[in-house]
Amino acid sequence: MSYYPYPQNPYQPPREPNGLSVASLVLGILSMLGFAAIILVPLAGVITGHLAYRREPRSRDLALAGLITSWIGLVLAIVTYAVVIWFVWFIASGFGDSSYYENVTYA
């Protein structure tokens, strides 16, 4: 007869990994902090966020937060690129070649 009781559950199930969720959140935060200029950072955050949302059901909150911040960073990057391209095009066009002073006659 044993005086020591057997443990109820000697085997603990392994914890579910949440690496993709954390990676998505970190990439989303980095893209919000200005690393969206390198468009690969928010794009990688969106991809890892979608993968984590599907593969890691226990850490969906982190994956969702990473998805939201990554999508916002991606939109900011696209808008920034569009503004820069428009500004360069506007400067290169010479501020409009037809100006007011071309049609002025001096008396």
C-alpha atoms as a PDB file:
ATOM      1  CA  MET A   1       0.000   0.000   0.000  1.00  0.00           C
ATOM      2  CA  SER A   2       1.304   3.388  -0.994  1.00  0.00           C
ATOM      3  CA  TYR A   3       1.031   6.409   1.229  1.00  0.00           C
ATOM      4  CA  TYR A   4       1.612   8.848  -1.634  1.00  0.00           C
ATOM      5  CA  PRO A   5      -1.422   9.584  -3.801  1.00  0.00           C
ATOM      6  CA  TYR A   6      -0.960   9.422  -7.489  1.00  0.00           C
ATOM      7  CA  PRO A   7      -1.122  12.749  -9.285  1.00  0.00           C
ATOM      8  CA  GLN A   8      -4.394  13.463 -10.993  1.00  0.00           C
ATOM      9  CA  ASN A   9      -2.914  14.325 -14.369  1.00  0.00           C
ATOM     10  CA  PRO A  10       0.796  13.677 -14.709  1.00  0.00           C
ATOM     11  CA  TYR A  11       0.807  14.650 -18.357  1.00  0.00           C
ATOM     12  CA  GLN A  12       0.199  18.305 -19.152  1.00  0.00           C
ATOM     13  CA  PRO A  13      -0.762  19.012 -22.769  1.00  0.00           C
ATOM     14  CA  PRO A  14       1.782  21.176 -24.544  1.00  0.00           C
ATOM     15  CA  ARG A  15       0.983  24.839 -24.747  1.00  0.00           C
ATOM     16  CA  GLU A  16      -0.192  26.076 -28.074  1.00  0.00           C
ATOM     17  CA  PRO A  17       2.468  28.150 -29.823  1.00  0.00           C
ATOM     18  CA  ASN A  18       1.550  31.746 -30.465  1.00  0.00           C
ATOM     19  CA  GLY A  19       4.628  32.836 -32.368  1.00  0.00           C
ATOM     20  CA  LEU A  20       2.787  33.930 -35.501  1.00  0.00           C
ATOM     21  CA  SER A  21       0.409  36.092 -33.486  1.00  0.00           C
ATOM     22  CA  VAL A  22       3.241  37.802 -31.661  1.00  0.00           C
ATOM     23  CA  ALA A  23       5.168  38.269 -34.912  1.00  0.00           C
ATOM     24  CA  SER A  24       2.109  39.825 -36.539  1.00  0.00           C
ATOM     25  CA  LEU A  25       1.627  42.205 -33.632  1.00  0.00           C
ATOM     26  CA  VAL A  26       5.295  43.220 -33.595  1.00  0.00           C
ATOM     27  CA  LEU A  27       5.315  43.814 -37.358  1.00  0.00           C
ATOM     28  CA  GLY A  28       2.089  45.795 -37.084  1.00  0.00           C
ATOM     29  CA  ILE A  29       3.522  48.010 -34.358  1.00  0.00           C
ATOM     30  CA  LEU A  30       6.700  48.527 -36.379  1.00  0.00           C
ATOM     31  CA  SER A  31       4.687  49.478 -39.426  1.00  0.00           C
ATOM     32  CA  MET A  32       2.755  52.021 -37.354  1.00  0.00           C
ATOM     33  CA  LEU A  33       5.988  53.508 -36.008  1.00  0.00           C
ATOM     34  CA  GLY A  34       7.211  54.468 -39.450  1.00  0.00           C
ATOM     35  CA  PHE A  35       8.789  51.328 -40.799  1.00  0.00           C
ATOM     36  CA  ALA A  36       5.981  51.250 -43.359  1.00  0.00           C
ATOM     37  CA  ALA A  37       8.324  53.060 -45.731  1.00  0.00           C
ATOM     38  CA  ILE A  38       9.729  49.627 -46.363  1.00  0.00           C
ATOM     39  CA  ILE A  39       6.457  48.208 -47.629  1.00  0.00           C
ATOM     40  CA  LEU A  40       7.524  44.664 -46.795  1.00  0.00           C
ATOM     41  CA  VAL A  41       7.077  45.211 -43.050  1.00  0.00           C
ATOM     42  CA  PRO A  42       3.296  45.803 -43.060  1.00  0.00           C
ATOM     43  CA  LEU A  43       2.856  43.253 -45.838  1.00  0.00           C
ATOM     44  CA  ALA A  44       4.619  40.603 -43.747  1.00  0.00           C
ATOM     45  CA  GLY A  45       2.482  41.623 -40.756  1.00  0.00           C
ATOM     46  CA  VAL A  46      -0.711  41.130 -42.765  1.00  0.00           C
ATOM     47  CA  ILE A  47       0.412  37.720 -44.022  1.00  0.00           C
ATOM     48  CA  THR A  48       1.501  36.452 -40.603  1.00  0.00           C
ATOM     49  CA  GLY A  49      -1.657  37.893 -39.044  1.00  0.00           C
ATOM     50  CA  HIS A  50      -3.910  35.973 -41.406  1.00  0.00           C
ATOM     51  CA  LEU A  51      -1.904  32.784 -40.880  1.00  0.00           C
ATOM     52  CA  ALA A  52      -2.023  33.203 -37.099  1.00  0.00           C
ATOM     53  CA  TYR A  53      -5.742  33.952 -37.098  1.00  0.00           C
ATOM     54  CA  ARG A  54      -6.423  30.663 -38.801  1.00  0.00           C
ATOM     55  CA  ARG A  55      -3.790  28.414 -37.165  1.00  0.00           C
ATOM     56  CA  GLU A  56      -3.771  29.664 -33.563  1.00  0.00           C
ATOM     57  CA  PRO A  57      -7.315  29.813 -32.201  1.00  0.00           C
ATOM     58  CA  ARG A  58      -6.288  30.536 -28.595  1.00  0.00           C
ATOM     59  CA  SER A  59      -4.340  33.662 -29.516  1.00  0.00           C
ATOM     60  CA  ARG A  60      -6.800  35.231 -31.938  1.00  0.00           C
ATOM     61  CA  ASP A  61      -6.784  38.488 -29.993  1.00  0.00           C
ATOM     62  CA  LEU A  62      -3.101  39.033 -30.669  1.00  0.00           C
ATOM     63  CA  ALA A  63      -3.542  38.014 -34.295  1.00  0.00           C
ATOM     64  CA  LEU A  64      -6.448  40.415 -34.727  1.00  0.00           C
ATOM     65  CA  ALA A  65      -4.495  43.278 -33.162  1.00  0.00           C
ATOM     66  CA  GLY A  66      -1.574  42.500 -35.470  1.00  0.00           C
ATOM     67  CA  LEU A  67      -3.895  42.383 -38.464  1.00  0.00           C
ATOM     68  CA  ILE A  68      -5.468  45.738 -37.656  1.00  0.00           C
ATOM     69  CA  THR A  69      -2.169  47.525 -37.064  1.00  0.00           C
ATOM     70  CA  SER A  70      -0.582  45.927 -40.132  1.00  0.00           C
ATOM     71  CA  TRP A  71      -3.480  46.899 -42.400  1.00  0.00           C
ATOM     72  CA  ILE A  72      -3.370  50.477 -41.092  1.00  0.00           C
ATOM     73  CA  GLY A  73       0.393  50.554 -41.676  1.00  0.00           C
ATOM     74  CA  LEU A  74      -0.073  49.187 -45.199  1.00  0.00           C
ATOM     75  CA  VAL A  75      -2.700  51.823 -46.033  1.00  0.00           C
ATOM     76  CA  LEU A  76      -0.444  54.544 -44.619  1.00  0.00           C
ATOM     77  CA  ALA A  77       2.457  53.261 -46.704  1.00  0.00           C
ATOM     78  CA  ILE A  78       0.379  53.253 -49.893  1.00  0.00           C
ATOM     79  CA  VAL A  79      -0.937  56.769 -49.226  1.00  0.00           C
ATOM     80  CA  THR A  80       2.588  57.979 -48.449  1.00  0.00           C
ATOM     81  CA  TYR A  81       3.936  56.472 -51.666  1.00  0.00           C
ATOM     82  CA  ALA A  82       1.076  58.053 -53.651  1.00  0.00           C
ATOM     83  CA  VAL A  83       1.729  61.498 -52.132  1.00  0.00           C
ATOM     84  CA  VAL A  84       5.464  61.251 -52.789  1.00  0.00           C
ATOM     85  CA  ILE A  85       4.913  60.163 -56.394  1.00  0.00           C
ATOM     86  CA  TRP A  86       2.396  62.970 -56.925  1.00  0.00           C
ATOM     87  CA  PHE A  87       4.767  65.523 -55.366  1.00  0.00           C
ATOM     88  CA  VAL A  88       7.692  64.400 -57.544  1.00  0.00           C
ATOM     89  CA  TRP A  89       5.452  64.509 -60.624  1.00  0.00           C
ATOM     90  CA  PHE A  90       4.204  67.978 -59.670  1.00  0.00           C
ATOM     91  CA  ILE A  91       7.743  69.306 -59.163  1.00  0.00           C
ATOM     92  CA  ALA A  92       8.991  67.681 -62.373  1.00  0.00           C
ATOM     93  CA  SER A  93       6.163  69.180 -64.426  1.00  0.00           C
ATOM     94  CA  GLY A  94       7.464  72.651 -63.636  1.00  0.00           C
ATOM     95  CA  PHE A  95       4.503  73.844 -61.590  1.00  0.00           C
ATOM     96  CA  GLY A  96       2.410  73.982 -64.754  1.00  0.00           C
ATOM     97  CA  ASP A  97       4.020  75.471 -67.848  1.00  0.00           C
ATOM     98  CA  SER A  98       1.238  77.883 -68.652  1.00  0.00           C
ATOM     99  CA  SER A  99       1.421  80.602 -66.071  1.00  0.00           C
ATOM    100  CA  TYR A 100      -0.497  83.784 -65.593  1.00  0.00           C
ATOM    101  CA  TYR A 101       2.342  85.972 -66.807  1.00  0.00           C
ATOM    102  CA  GLU A 102       2.499  84.496 -70.320  1.00  0.00           C
ATOM    103  CA  ASN A 103      -0.760  86.125 -71.404  1.00  0.00           C
ATOM    104  CA  VAL A 104      -0.119  89.540 -69.840  1.00  0.00           C
ATOM    105  CA  THR A 105       0.500  92.384 -72.281  1.00  0.00           C
ATOM    106  CA  TYR A 106       2.521  95.343 -71.184  1.00  0.00           C
ATOM    107  CA  ALA A 107       1.267  98.734 -72.350  1.00  0.00           C
END
